[in-house]
N, C-alpha and C. Protein backbone atom coordinates (compact mmCIF):
# COMPACT_ATOMS: atom_id res chain seq x y z
N MET A 1 0.85 -1.20 0.00
CA MET A 1 0.00 0.00 0.00
C MET A 1 0.89 1.25 0.00
N ASP A 2 0.79 2.03 -1.06
CA ASP A 2 1.62 3.23 -1.21
C ASP A 2 0.78 4.46 -0.89
N LEU A 3 0.96 4.99 0.32
CA LEU A 3 0.17 6.14 0.76
C LEU A 3 1.05 7.37 0.83
N PRO A 4 0.48 8.56 0.50
CA PRO A 4 1.25 9.80 0.65
C PRO A 4 1.64 10.03 2.11
N ASN A 5 2.79 10.67 2.32
CA ASN A 5 3.24 10.94 3.68
C ASN A 5 2.23 11.75 4.48
N ASN A 6 1.56 12.71 3.82
CA ASN A 6 0.57 13.53 4.53
C ASN A 6 -0.59 12.68 5.04
N THR A 7 -0.99 11.70 4.23
CA THR A 7 -2.07 10.80 4.64
C THR A 7 -1.64 9.96 5.83
N ILE A 8 -0.43 9.41 5.78
CA ILE A 8 0.08 8.61 6.89
C ILE A 8 0.15 9.45 8.16
N ASP A 9 0.62 10.68 8.03
CA ASP A 9 0.72 11.57 9.19
C ASP A 9 -0.66 11.81 9.80
N ARG A 10 -1.65 12.09 8.95
CA ARG A 10 -3.00 12.35 9.47
C ARG A 10 -3.60 11.10 10.11
N VAL A 11 -3.41 9.95 9.47
CA VAL A 11 -3.97 8.71 10.02
C VAL A 11 -3.36 8.40 11.38
N CYS A 12 -2.06 8.65 11.52
CA CYS A 12 -1.42 8.43 12.83
C CYS A 12 -2.00 9.36 13.89
N ARG A 13 -2.29 10.59 13.49
CA ARG A 13 -2.89 11.53 14.46
C ARG A 13 -4.34 11.15 14.76
N ILE A 14 -5.06 10.64 13.76
CA ILE A 14 -6.42 10.13 13.99
C ILE A 14 -6.37 8.98 14.98
N PHE A 15 -5.41 8.09 14.80
CA PHE A 15 -5.25 6.94 15.70
C PHE A 15 -5.02 7.42 17.13
N GLY A 16 -4.19 8.46 17.28
CA GLY A 16 -3.95 9.02 18.61
C GLY A 16 -5.22 9.60 19.22
N CYS A 17 -6.02 10.29 18.40
CA CYS A 17 -7.30 10.83 18.88
C CYS A 17 -8.23 9.72 19.33
N LEU A 18 -8.27 8.65 18.56
CA LEU A 18 -9.13 7.53 18.89
C LEU A 18 -8.71 6.87 20.20
N GLU A 19 -7.40 6.79 20.44
CA GLU A 19 -6.90 6.25 21.71
C GLU A 19 -7.41 7.08 22.88
N SER A 20 -7.32 8.40 22.72
CA SER A 20 -7.78 9.30 23.77
C SER A 20 -9.28 9.16 24.00
N LEU A 21 -10.05 9.06 22.91
CA LEU A 21 -11.50 8.90 23.02
C LEU A 21 -11.86 7.58 23.68
N GLU A 22 -11.12 6.53 23.34
CA GLU A 22 -11.39 5.22 23.94
C GLU A 22 -11.11 5.26 25.44
N GLU A 23 -10.06 5.94 25.84
CA GLU A 23 -9.74 6.06 27.26
C GLU A 23 -10.85 6.79 28.01
N ARG A 24 -11.51 7.74 27.31
CA ARG A 24 -12.61 8.49 27.92
C ARG A 24 -13.95 7.79 27.74
N GLN A 25 -13.92 6.57 27.17
CA GLN A 25 -15.11 5.74 26.97
C GLN A 25 -16.14 6.38 26.05
N VAL A 26 -15.64 7.08 25.02
CA VAL A 26 -16.52 7.64 23.98
C VAL A 26 -16.77 6.54 22.95
N ASP A 27 -18.03 6.32 22.59
CA ASP A 27 -18.36 5.19 21.70
C ASP A 27 -18.26 5.54 20.22
N PHE A 28 -18.70 6.76 19.84
CA PHE A 28 -18.72 7.14 18.44
C PHE A 28 -18.11 8.52 18.25
N VAL A 29 -17.54 8.73 17.06
CA VAL A 29 -16.95 10.03 16.74
C VAL A 29 -17.25 10.35 15.28
N SER A 30 -17.57 11.59 14.99
CA SER A 30 -17.86 12.00 13.62
C SER A 30 -16.58 12.40 12.90
N SER A 31 -16.63 12.42 11.56
CA SER A 31 -15.49 12.88 10.78
C SER A 31 -15.23 14.36 11.05
N LYS A 32 -16.30 15.11 11.37
CA LYS A 32 -16.15 16.52 11.70
C LYS A 32 -15.33 16.71 12.97
N ASP A 33 -15.63 15.90 13.98
CA ASP A 33 -14.89 16.00 15.25
C ASP A 33 -13.43 15.60 15.06
N LEU A 34 -13.18 14.57 14.27
CA LEU A 34 -11.80 14.15 13.99
C LEU A 34 -11.06 15.23 13.22
N ALA A 35 -11.77 15.85 12.27
CA ALA A 35 -11.17 16.91 11.47
C ALA A 35 -10.76 18.09 12.35
N GLN A 36 -11.64 18.48 13.26
CA GLN A 36 -11.33 19.59 14.16
C GLN A 36 -10.17 19.24 15.08
N ALA A 37 -10.10 17.99 15.50
CA ALA A 37 -9.05 17.57 16.44
C ALA A 37 -7.66 17.62 15.82
N ILE A 38 -7.55 17.32 14.51
CA ILE A 38 -6.21 17.29 13.90
C ILE A 38 -5.99 18.44 12.92
N GLY A 39 -6.99 19.34 12.77
CA GLY A 39 -6.80 20.52 11.95
C GLY A 39 -6.89 20.29 10.46
N THR A 40 -7.94 19.57 10.03
CA THR A 40 -8.14 19.37 8.60
C THR A 40 -9.64 19.43 8.30
N THR A 41 -10.08 18.88 7.17
CA THR A 41 -11.49 18.95 6.78
C THR A 41 -12.16 17.59 6.89
N ASN A 42 -13.51 17.62 6.95
CA ASN A 42 -14.28 16.37 7.00
C ASN A 42 -13.96 15.49 5.80
N ASP A 43 -13.93 16.11 4.61
CA ASP A 43 -13.69 15.35 3.38
C ASP A 43 -12.33 14.67 3.41
N THR A 44 -11.33 15.39 3.93
CA THR A 44 -9.98 14.81 4.00
C THR A 44 -9.96 13.61 4.94
N ILE A 45 -10.64 13.71 6.07
CA ILE A 45 -10.70 12.59 7.02
C ILE A 45 -11.33 11.37 6.34
N ARG A 46 -12.46 11.58 5.68
CA ARG A 46 -13.16 10.45 5.04
C ARG A 46 -12.32 9.87 3.90
N LYS A 47 -11.64 10.73 3.16
CA LYS A 47 -10.79 10.26 2.06
C LYS A 47 -9.62 9.44 2.59
N ASP A 48 -8.96 9.94 3.62
CA ASP A 48 -7.82 9.22 4.21
C ASP A 48 -8.25 7.84 4.69
N ILE A 49 -9.37 7.79 5.38
CA ILE A 49 -9.84 6.51 5.92
C ILE A 49 -10.24 5.56 4.81
N SER A 50 -10.88 6.09 3.76
CA SER A 50 -11.29 5.24 2.64
C SER A 50 -10.10 4.70 1.87
N LEU A 51 -9.00 5.46 1.82
CA LEU A 51 -7.79 4.99 1.13
C LEU A 51 -7.24 3.71 1.77
N LEU A 52 -7.54 3.54 3.05
CA LEU A 52 -7.09 2.35 3.77
C LEU A 52 -8.09 1.20 3.64
N GLY A 53 -9.17 1.46 2.90
CA GLY A 53 -10.18 0.42 2.73
C GLY A 53 -11.07 0.24 3.93
N VAL A 54 -11.12 1.25 4.78
CA VAL A 54 -11.92 1.17 6.01
C VAL A 54 -13.30 1.77 5.76
N THR A 55 -14.33 1.04 6.15
CA THR A 55 -15.70 1.53 6.03
C THR A 55 -16.32 1.55 7.43
N GLY A 56 -17.64 1.73 7.48
CA GLY A 56 -18.30 1.64 8.78
C GLY A 56 -18.81 2.95 9.33
N TYR A 57 -18.91 4.01 8.47
CA TYR A 57 -19.46 5.28 8.96
C TYR A 57 -20.97 5.15 9.06
N THR A 58 -21.53 5.52 10.20
CA THR A 58 -22.97 5.44 10.42
C THR A 58 -23.52 6.81 10.76
N ARG A 59 -24.78 6.89 11.05
CA ARG A 59 -25.39 8.16 11.45
C ARG A 59 -24.77 8.68 12.74
N LYS A 60 -24.33 7.76 13.57
CA LYS A 60 -23.68 8.17 14.82
C LYS A 60 -22.21 8.55 14.61
N GLY A 61 -21.68 8.23 13.44
CA GLY A 61 -20.27 8.46 13.18
C GLY A 61 -19.52 7.14 13.12
N TYR A 62 -18.22 7.20 13.34
CA TYR A 62 -17.41 5.99 13.37
C TYR A 62 -17.41 5.39 14.77
N SER A 63 -17.47 4.07 14.85
CA SER A 63 -17.25 3.41 16.14
C SER A 63 -15.79 3.63 16.52
N VAL A 64 -15.55 4.21 17.68
CA VAL A 64 -14.18 4.52 18.11
C VAL A 64 -13.34 3.25 18.20
N VAL A 65 -13.87 2.23 18.83
CA VAL A 65 -13.12 0.98 19.03
C VAL A 65 -12.84 0.30 17.69
N SER A 66 -13.86 0.22 16.83
CA SER A 66 -13.71 -0.48 15.55
C SER A 66 -12.75 0.25 14.63
N LEU A 67 -12.89 1.59 14.55
CA LEU A 67 -12.01 2.36 13.66
C LEU A 67 -10.56 2.29 14.14
N LYS A 68 -10.35 2.41 15.44
CA LYS A 68 -8.99 2.32 15.99
C LYS A 68 -8.39 0.95 15.67
N LYS A 69 -9.18 -0.10 15.81
CA LYS A 69 -8.70 -1.46 15.54
C LYS A 69 -8.32 -1.63 14.07
N GLU A 70 -9.18 -1.13 13.16
CA GLU A 70 -8.91 -1.27 11.73
C GLU A 70 -7.70 -0.47 11.29
N LEU A 71 -7.58 0.77 11.77
CA LEU A 71 -6.41 1.58 11.41
C LEU A 71 -5.14 0.96 11.97
N GLY A 72 -5.23 0.47 13.20
CA GLY A 72 -4.08 -0.15 13.83
C GLY A 72 -3.60 -1.38 13.09
N GLN A 73 -4.54 -2.22 12.66
CA GLN A 73 -4.18 -3.44 11.95
C GLN A 73 -3.65 -3.13 10.55
N THR A 74 -4.25 -2.16 9.88
CA THR A 74 -3.85 -1.85 8.50
C THR A 74 -2.44 -1.30 8.42
N LEU A 75 -2.08 -0.37 9.32
CA LEU A 75 -0.75 0.24 9.30
C LEU A 75 0.16 -0.33 10.39
N LYS A 76 -0.28 -1.43 11.01
CA LYS A 76 0.50 -2.09 12.07
C LYS A 76 0.83 -1.12 13.21
N LEU A 77 -0.10 -0.19 13.47
CA LEU A 77 0.10 0.76 14.57
C LEU A 77 -0.10 0.09 15.92
N ASP A 78 -0.70 -1.10 15.89
CA ASP A 78 -0.93 -1.83 17.14
C ASP A 78 0.20 -2.80 17.47
N LYS A 79 1.24 -2.82 16.62
CA LYS A 79 2.37 -3.71 16.85
C LYS A 79 3.35 -3.07 17.85
N LYS A 80 3.83 -3.86 18.79
CA LYS A 80 4.83 -3.38 19.74
C LYS A 80 6.17 -3.27 19.04
N ARG A 81 6.85 -2.14 19.19
CA ARG A 81 8.14 -1.94 18.53
C ARG A 81 9.19 -1.52 19.55
N LYS A 82 10.40 -2.05 19.38
CA LYS A 82 11.49 -1.74 20.28
C LYS A 82 12.33 -0.60 19.73
N ALA A 83 12.75 0.28 20.64
CA ALA A 83 13.53 1.46 20.24
C ALA A 83 14.69 1.67 21.21
N CYS A 84 15.67 2.46 20.76
CA CYS A 84 16.78 2.84 21.62
C CYS A 84 17.00 4.35 21.50
N ILE A 85 17.67 4.90 22.50
CA ILE A 85 18.01 6.32 22.52
C ILE A 85 19.52 6.46 22.55
N VAL A 86 20.04 7.27 21.64
CA VAL A 86 21.49 7.50 21.59
C VAL A 86 21.77 8.95 21.96
N GLY A 87 22.47 9.14 23.08
CA GLY A 87 22.74 10.47 23.61
C GLY A 87 21.95 10.67 24.88
N LEU A 88 22.58 10.47 26.03
CA LEU A 88 21.85 10.50 27.30
C LEU A 88 22.15 11.75 28.10
N GLY A 89 21.97 12.90 27.44
CA GLY A 89 21.98 14.17 28.14
C GLY A 89 20.63 14.38 28.79
N ARG A 90 20.25 15.61 29.02
CA ARG A 90 18.98 15.89 29.71
C ARG A 90 17.78 15.38 28.92
N LEU A 91 17.76 15.65 27.60
CA LEU A 91 16.64 15.22 26.78
C LEU A 91 16.60 13.70 26.66
N GLY A 92 17.73 13.10 26.32
CA GLY A 92 17.77 11.66 26.17
C GLY A 92 17.40 10.92 27.43
N THR A 93 17.88 11.40 28.57
CA THR A 93 17.57 10.76 29.85
C THR A 93 16.09 10.89 30.18
N ALA A 94 15.52 12.05 29.88
CA ALA A 94 14.08 12.25 30.13
C ALA A 94 13.25 11.30 29.27
N LEU A 95 13.67 11.11 28.01
CA LEU A 95 12.92 10.23 27.11
C LEU A 95 13.04 8.76 27.51
N LEU A 96 14.15 8.40 28.16
CA LEU A 96 14.34 7.00 28.58
C LEU A 96 13.18 6.51 29.42
N ASP A 97 12.72 7.33 30.32
CA ASP A 97 11.67 6.92 31.26
C ASP A 97 10.32 7.56 30.97
N TYR A 98 10.12 7.95 29.73
CA TYR A 98 8.83 8.54 29.34
C TYR A 98 7.80 7.42 29.21
N GLU A 99 6.91 7.30 30.16
CA GLU A 99 5.99 6.18 30.25
C GLU A 99 5.04 6.08 29.06
N ARG A 100 4.73 7.20 28.45
CA ARG A 100 3.75 7.19 27.37
C ARG A 100 4.23 6.37 26.17
N PHE A 101 5.55 6.31 25.96
CA PHE A 101 6.07 5.50 24.87
C PHE A 101 5.53 4.07 24.95
N LYS A 102 5.68 3.48 26.13
CA LYS A 102 5.27 2.09 26.31
C LYS A 102 3.77 1.94 26.18
N GLN A 103 3.02 2.90 26.71
CA GLN A 103 1.57 2.85 26.60
C GLN A 103 1.13 2.87 25.14
N ASP A 104 1.89 3.56 24.30
CA ASP A 104 1.55 3.68 22.89
C ASP A 104 2.22 2.64 22.01
N GLY A 105 2.87 1.65 22.62
CA GLY A 105 3.40 0.54 21.85
C GLY A 105 4.86 0.62 21.48
N PHE A 106 5.59 1.61 22.03
CA PHE A 106 7.02 1.76 21.74
C PHE A 106 7.81 1.52 23.02
N GLU A 107 8.58 0.44 23.02
CA GLU A 107 9.33 0.08 24.22
C GLU A 107 10.79 0.50 24.07
N ILE A 108 11.22 1.43 24.91
CA ILE A 108 12.62 1.82 24.93
C ILE A 108 13.38 0.73 25.69
N VAL A 109 14.24 0.00 24.99
CA VAL A 109 14.92 -1.14 25.62
C VAL A 109 16.41 -0.91 25.84
N ALA A 110 16.93 0.22 25.35
CA ALA A 110 18.36 0.49 25.55
C ALA A 110 18.65 1.97 25.36
N GLY A 111 19.67 2.43 26.07
CA GLY A 111 20.18 3.79 25.90
C GLY A 111 21.68 3.71 25.69
N PHE A 112 22.21 4.67 24.91
CA PHE A 112 23.64 4.65 24.60
C PHE A 112 24.25 6.04 24.78
N ASP A 113 25.48 6.06 25.27
CA ASP A 113 26.21 7.31 25.38
C ASP A 113 27.71 7.00 25.35
N ASN A 114 28.50 8.00 24.95
CA ASN A 114 29.95 7.77 24.87
C ASN A 114 30.68 8.14 26.17
N SER A 115 29.93 8.57 27.19
CA SER A 115 30.54 8.93 28.48
C SER A 115 30.26 7.83 29.51
N ILE A 116 31.29 7.10 29.89
CA ILE A 116 31.11 6.04 30.89
C ILE A 116 30.68 6.64 32.23
N ASN A 117 31.22 7.80 32.59
CA ASN A 117 30.84 8.45 33.85
C ASN A 117 29.34 8.77 33.87
N LYS A 118 28.84 9.23 32.74
CA LYS A 118 27.42 9.55 32.66
C LYS A 118 26.58 8.29 32.80
N LEU A 119 27.00 7.21 32.15
CA LEU A 119 26.27 5.95 32.22
C LEU A 119 26.19 5.44 33.65
N GLU A 120 27.25 5.65 34.40
CA GLU A 120 27.29 5.16 35.79
C GLU A 120 26.39 5.99 36.71
N ARG A 121 26.13 7.23 36.33
CA ARG A 121 25.33 8.13 37.18
C ARG A 121 23.84 8.05 36.89
N ILE A 122 23.48 7.59 35.70
CA ILE A 122 22.08 7.60 35.30
C ILE A 122 21.26 6.62 36.14
N LYS A 123 20.14 7.11 36.65
CA LYS A 123 19.23 6.26 37.41
C LYS A 123 18.01 5.95 36.55
N THR A 124 17.95 4.73 36.05
CA THR A 124 16.86 4.32 35.17
C THR A 124 16.73 2.81 35.20
N HIS A 125 15.53 2.31 34.88
CA HIS A 125 15.34 0.86 34.81
C HIS A 125 15.70 0.33 33.42
N ILE A 126 16.03 1.23 32.48
CA ILE A 126 16.41 0.83 31.13
C ILE A 126 17.91 0.49 31.10
N ASP A 127 18.27 -0.55 30.38
CA ASP A 127 19.69 -0.90 30.24
C ASP A 127 20.41 0.17 29.42
N VAL A 128 21.56 0.63 29.92
CA VAL A 128 22.34 1.65 29.21
C VAL A 128 23.74 1.10 28.90
N PHE A 129 24.27 1.53 27.75
CA PHE A 129 25.52 0.98 27.26
C PHE A 129 26.38 2.07 26.63
N ALA A 130 27.65 1.74 26.47
CA ALA A 130 28.55 2.61 25.70
C ALA A 130 28.17 2.52 24.23
N ILE A 131 28.36 3.62 23.49
CA ILE A 131 28.03 3.63 22.07
C ILE A 131 28.80 2.55 21.31
N SER A 132 29.98 2.22 21.77
CA SER A 132 30.78 1.18 21.11
C SER A 132 30.08 -0.18 21.10
N GLU A 133 29.09 -0.37 21.99
CA GLU A 133 28.36 -1.63 22.05
C GLU A 133 27.07 -1.62 21.23
N MET A 134 26.80 -0.52 20.56
CA MET A 134 25.51 -0.31 19.92
C MET A 134 25.15 -1.40 18.91
N GLU A 135 26.06 -1.75 18.04
CA GLU A 135 25.74 -2.72 17.00
C GLU A 135 25.33 -4.07 17.59
N ASN A 136 26.07 -4.54 18.57
CA ASN A 136 25.75 -5.83 19.18
C ASN A 136 24.42 -5.80 19.94
N ILE A 137 24.21 -4.74 20.69
CA ILE A 137 23.00 -4.64 21.52
C ILE A 137 21.75 -4.52 20.64
N ILE A 138 21.82 -3.73 19.59
CA ILE A 138 20.67 -3.57 18.69
C ILE A 138 20.30 -4.90 18.06
N ALA A 139 21.30 -5.68 17.69
CA ALA A 139 21.03 -7.01 17.13
C ALA A 139 20.45 -7.94 18.18
N GLN A 140 21.03 -7.94 19.37
CA GLN A 140 20.58 -8.83 20.44
C GLN A 140 19.15 -8.56 20.86
N LYS A 141 18.79 -7.27 20.94
CA LYS A 141 17.47 -6.89 21.43
C LYS A 141 16.45 -6.67 20.32
N SER A 142 16.84 -6.92 19.07
CA SER A 142 15.94 -6.75 17.92
C SER A 142 15.31 -5.37 17.89
N ILE A 143 16.15 -4.35 18.03
CA ILE A 143 15.69 -2.96 18.04
C ILE A 143 15.44 -2.47 16.61
N GLU A 144 14.26 -1.89 16.38
CA GLU A 144 13.89 -1.41 15.05
C GLU A 144 14.09 0.08 14.86
N LEU A 145 13.95 0.84 15.95
CA LEU A 145 13.93 2.30 15.84
C LEU A 145 15.02 2.94 16.69
N GLY A 146 15.67 3.96 16.15
CA GLY A 146 16.68 4.69 16.88
C GLY A 146 16.28 6.14 17.06
N ILE A 147 16.46 6.66 18.28
CA ILE A 147 16.15 8.05 18.59
C ILE A 147 17.45 8.77 18.89
N ILE A 148 17.76 9.80 18.12
CA ILE A 148 19.03 10.52 18.25
C ILE A 148 18.84 11.78 19.08
N THR A 149 19.58 11.90 20.18
CA THR A 149 19.53 13.10 21.02
C THR A 149 20.95 13.57 21.35
N VAL A 150 21.84 13.46 20.38
CA VAL A 150 23.24 13.88 20.56
C VAL A 150 23.42 15.29 20.01
N PRO A 151 24.54 15.95 20.34
CA PRO A 151 24.82 17.27 19.75
C PRO A 151 24.90 17.19 18.22
N ALA A 152 24.70 18.34 17.58
CA ALA A 152 24.61 18.40 16.13
C ALA A 152 25.82 17.79 15.42
N ASN A 153 27.01 18.05 15.94
CA ASN A 153 28.21 17.60 15.23
C ASN A 153 28.42 16.08 15.30
N ASN A 154 27.64 15.40 16.13
CA ASN A 154 27.75 13.94 16.23
C ASN A 154 26.57 13.20 15.57
N ALA A 155 25.57 13.94 15.10
CA ALA A 155 24.33 13.33 14.64
C ALA A 155 24.53 12.39 13.46
N GLN A 156 25.27 12.82 12.45
CA GLN A 156 25.45 11.99 11.26
C GLN A 156 26.20 10.70 11.59
N GLU A 157 27.23 10.82 12.40
CA GLU A 157 28.00 9.64 12.78
C GLU A 157 27.11 8.63 13.51
N VAL A 158 26.28 9.12 14.42
CA VAL A 158 25.38 8.24 15.16
C VAL A 158 24.35 7.61 14.21
N ALA A 159 23.81 8.41 13.30
CA ALA A 159 22.86 7.87 12.33
C ALA A 159 23.49 6.75 11.51
N ASP A 160 24.72 6.96 11.07
CA ASP A 160 25.42 5.93 10.29
C ASP A 160 25.59 4.65 11.10
N GLU A 161 25.90 4.79 12.39
CA GLU A 161 26.08 3.62 13.24
C GLU A 161 24.76 2.89 13.47
N LEU A 162 23.68 3.65 13.65
CA LEU A 162 22.36 3.04 13.82
C LEU A 162 21.96 2.24 12.58
N ILE A 163 22.19 2.83 11.42
CA ILE A 163 21.85 2.16 10.16
C ILE A 163 22.69 0.90 9.98
N LYS A 164 23.98 1.01 10.28
CA LYS A 164 24.88 -0.14 10.19
C LYS A 164 24.41 -1.26 11.12
N ALA A 165 23.88 -0.86 12.27
CA ALA A 165 23.43 -1.85 13.26
C ALA A 165 22.11 -2.51 12.87
N GLY A 166 21.39 -1.91 11.92
CA GLY A 166 20.20 -2.56 11.40
C GLY A 166 18.86 -1.96 11.74
N VAL A 167 18.82 -0.72 12.26
CA VAL A 167 17.51 -0.11 12.54
C VAL A 167 16.79 0.22 11.24
N SER A 168 15.47 0.28 11.29
CA SER A 168 14.67 0.57 10.11
C SER A 168 14.21 2.03 10.06
N GLY A 169 14.21 2.70 11.22
CA GLY A 169 13.73 4.07 11.27
C GLY A 169 14.49 4.88 12.31
N ILE A 170 14.57 6.20 12.04
CA ILE A 170 15.31 7.10 12.93
C ILE A 170 14.47 8.34 13.21
N LEU A 171 14.37 8.69 14.48
CA LEU A 171 13.77 9.95 14.89
C LEU A 171 14.90 10.83 15.40
N ASN A 172 15.11 11.97 14.74
CA ASN A 172 16.28 12.81 15.01
C ASN A 172 15.88 14.07 15.76
N PHE A 173 16.30 14.16 17.03
CA PHE A 173 16.06 15.36 17.83
C PHE A 173 17.23 16.35 17.73
N SER A 174 18.28 15.97 17.04
CA SER A 174 19.41 16.88 16.86
C SER A 174 19.04 17.96 15.85
N PRO A 175 19.54 19.20 16.02
CA PRO A 175 19.25 20.26 15.04
C PRO A 175 19.95 20.06 13.71
N GLU A 176 20.87 19.09 13.64
CA GLU A 176 21.61 18.83 12.40
C GLU A 176 20.82 17.88 11.50
N LYS A 177 20.65 18.26 10.23
CA LYS A 177 20.02 17.38 9.26
C LYS A 177 20.98 16.23 8.95
N ILE A 178 20.45 15.04 8.88
CA ILE A 178 21.28 13.88 8.57
C ILE A 178 20.89 13.30 7.22
N VAL A 179 21.81 12.55 6.64
CA VAL A 179 21.57 11.91 5.35
C VAL A 179 21.44 10.41 5.59
N VAL A 180 20.36 9.82 5.08
CA VAL A 180 20.13 8.39 5.27
C VAL A 180 19.75 7.76 3.93
N PRO A 181 19.97 6.46 3.77
CA PRO A 181 19.52 5.77 2.54
C PRO A 181 18.01 5.84 2.41
N LYS A 182 17.51 5.72 1.20
CA LYS A 182 16.07 5.90 0.95
C LYS A 182 15.21 4.85 1.63
N GLU A 183 15.80 3.69 1.96
CA GLU A 183 15.00 2.65 2.60
C GLU A 183 14.82 2.89 4.10
N ILE A 184 15.55 3.87 4.67
CA ILE A 184 15.43 4.19 6.09
C ILE A 184 14.38 5.28 6.27
N ILE A 185 13.41 5.02 7.13
CA ILE A 185 12.39 6.02 7.43
C ILE A 185 12.96 6.99 8.46
N TYR A 186 12.86 8.27 8.15
CA TYR A 186 13.59 9.27 8.94
C TYR A 186 12.73 10.51 9.16
N LEU A 187 12.73 11.01 10.39
CA LEU A 187 11.96 12.21 10.71
C LEU A 187 12.74 13.09 11.65
N ASP A 188 12.77 14.41 11.34
CA ASP A 188 13.40 15.40 12.22
C ASP A 188 12.40 15.93 13.23
N MET A 189 12.86 16.14 14.45
CA MET A 189 12.06 16.81 15.48
C MET A 189 12.88 18.00 15.96
N ASP A 190 12.86 19.08 15.20
CA ASP A 190 13.66 20.26 15.50
C ASP A 190 12.83 21.24 16.32
N PHE A 191 13.11 21.30 17.63
CA PHE A 191 12.33 22.14 18.53
C PHE A 191 12.42 23.62 18.13
N THR A 192 13.62 24.07 17.75
CA THR A 192 13.79 25.48 17.42
C THR A 192 12.97 25.87 16.19
N SER A 193 13.01 25.02 15.16
CA SER A 193 12.23 25.30 13.96
C SER A 193 10.73 25.31 14.26
N ALA A 194 10.31 24.40 15.14
CA ALA A 194 8.90 24.35 15.52
C ALA A 194 8.48 25.62 16.24
N LEU A 195 9.34 26.11 17.13
CA LEU A 195 9.03 27.35 17.85
C LEU A 195 9.03 28.54 16.89
N ARG A 196 9.96 28.55 15.93
CA ARG A 196 9.99 29.62 14.93
C ARG A 196 8.70 29.62 14.12
N PHE A 197 8.23 28.42 13.75
CA PHE A 197 6.98 28.32 12.99
C PHE A 197 5.82 28.91 13.79
N ILE A 198 5.74 28.54 15.07
CA ILE A 198 4.66 29.06 15.91
C ILE A 198 4.73 30.58 16.02
N ALA A 199 5.95 31.09 16.23
CA ALA A 199 6.13 32.55 16.35
C ALA A 199 5.76 33.26 15.05
N ALA A 200 6.19 32.69 13.92
CA ALA A 200 5.89 33.30 12.62
C ALA A 200 4.40 33.24 12.33
N ARG A 201 3.76 32.11 12.65
CA ARG A 201 2.32 31.98 12.43
C ARG A 201 1.56 32.96 13.31
N PHE A 202 2.03 33.16 14.52
CA PHE A 202 1.40 34.12 15.43
C PHE A 202 1.42 35.52 14.82
N ILE A 203 2.57 35.90 14.24
CA ILE A 203 2.70 37.22 13.62
C ILE A 203 1.81 37.35 12.40
N THR A 204 1.80 36.32 11.54
CA THR A 204 0.98 36.40 10.33
C THR A 204 -0.52 36.44 10.67
N ASN A 205 -0.92 35.73 11.72
CA ASN A 205 -2.32 35.78 12.14
C ASN A 205 -2.69 37.17 12.64
N LYS A 206 -1.78 37.82 13.38
CA LYS A 206 -2.03 39.17 13.87
C LYS A 206 -2.15 40.14 12.71
N LEU A 207 -1.28 39.99 11.71
CA LEU A 207 -1.34 40.87 10.55
C LEU A 207 -2.62 40.69 9.77
N ARG A 208 -3.05 39.44 9.63
CA ARG A 208 -4.29 39.17 8.91
C ARG A 208 -5.48 39.79 9.63
N LYS A 209 -5.53 39.65 10.95
CA LYS A 209 -6.64 40.22 11.73
C LYS A 209 -6.64 41.74 11.66
N SER A 210 -5.42 42.34 11.65
CA SER A 210 -5.36 43.82 11.60
C SER A 210 -5.84 44.33 10.25
N ARG A 211 -5.57 43.59 9.17
CA ARG A 211 -6.06 44.00 7.84
C ARG A 211 -7.56 43.88 7.75
N VAL A 212 -8.11 42.84 8.37
CA VAL A 212 -9.58 42.63 8.37
C VAL A 212 -10.25 43.75 9.15
N ALA A 213 -9.64 44.10 10.29
CA ALA A 213 -10.20 45.16 11.13
C ALA A 213 -10.14 46.51 10.41
């Protein structure tokens, strides 16, 4: 199934909304409510869901449980996946024990850093190792996903090591853009760029309102 990246992104966010609704014991949800929750249109929601071959819209809307199950099975969002974190500074250490990962099906099973002193000081229930052990540990623990939280000048080297070790996807929290082979799924999480976007959007919204006024 070859889906556009935008569709996959929206479906993943729909899945997250459905998880939240299920936790609140909501039985049905409309395409309008889903559209408002993720910032798109009713038609786009229905189109995205239909592209996955999912049906079942009723007068009450979609069954929350059924739709979540179908989306999860179709894109394997319900599969448990193992991940590791490389770079155990403040951000990396915080992510090690982020409980929501496990609740959402992502199990952090290892952390890596090049500072032995840091590894000895970290208090966590997750196994932590020197970066030199990364290839062996990733193979032993069948880790699929790597999360990079190292300084910018080390990001590419770490990415190369993760790929060599056999991960299928990388989430990069470093501000440095990395280069990966086309078969590796890769996403940047640049906090500064995200904040710049919010600040710029805030300004453009103010300008638009002032012109309307």
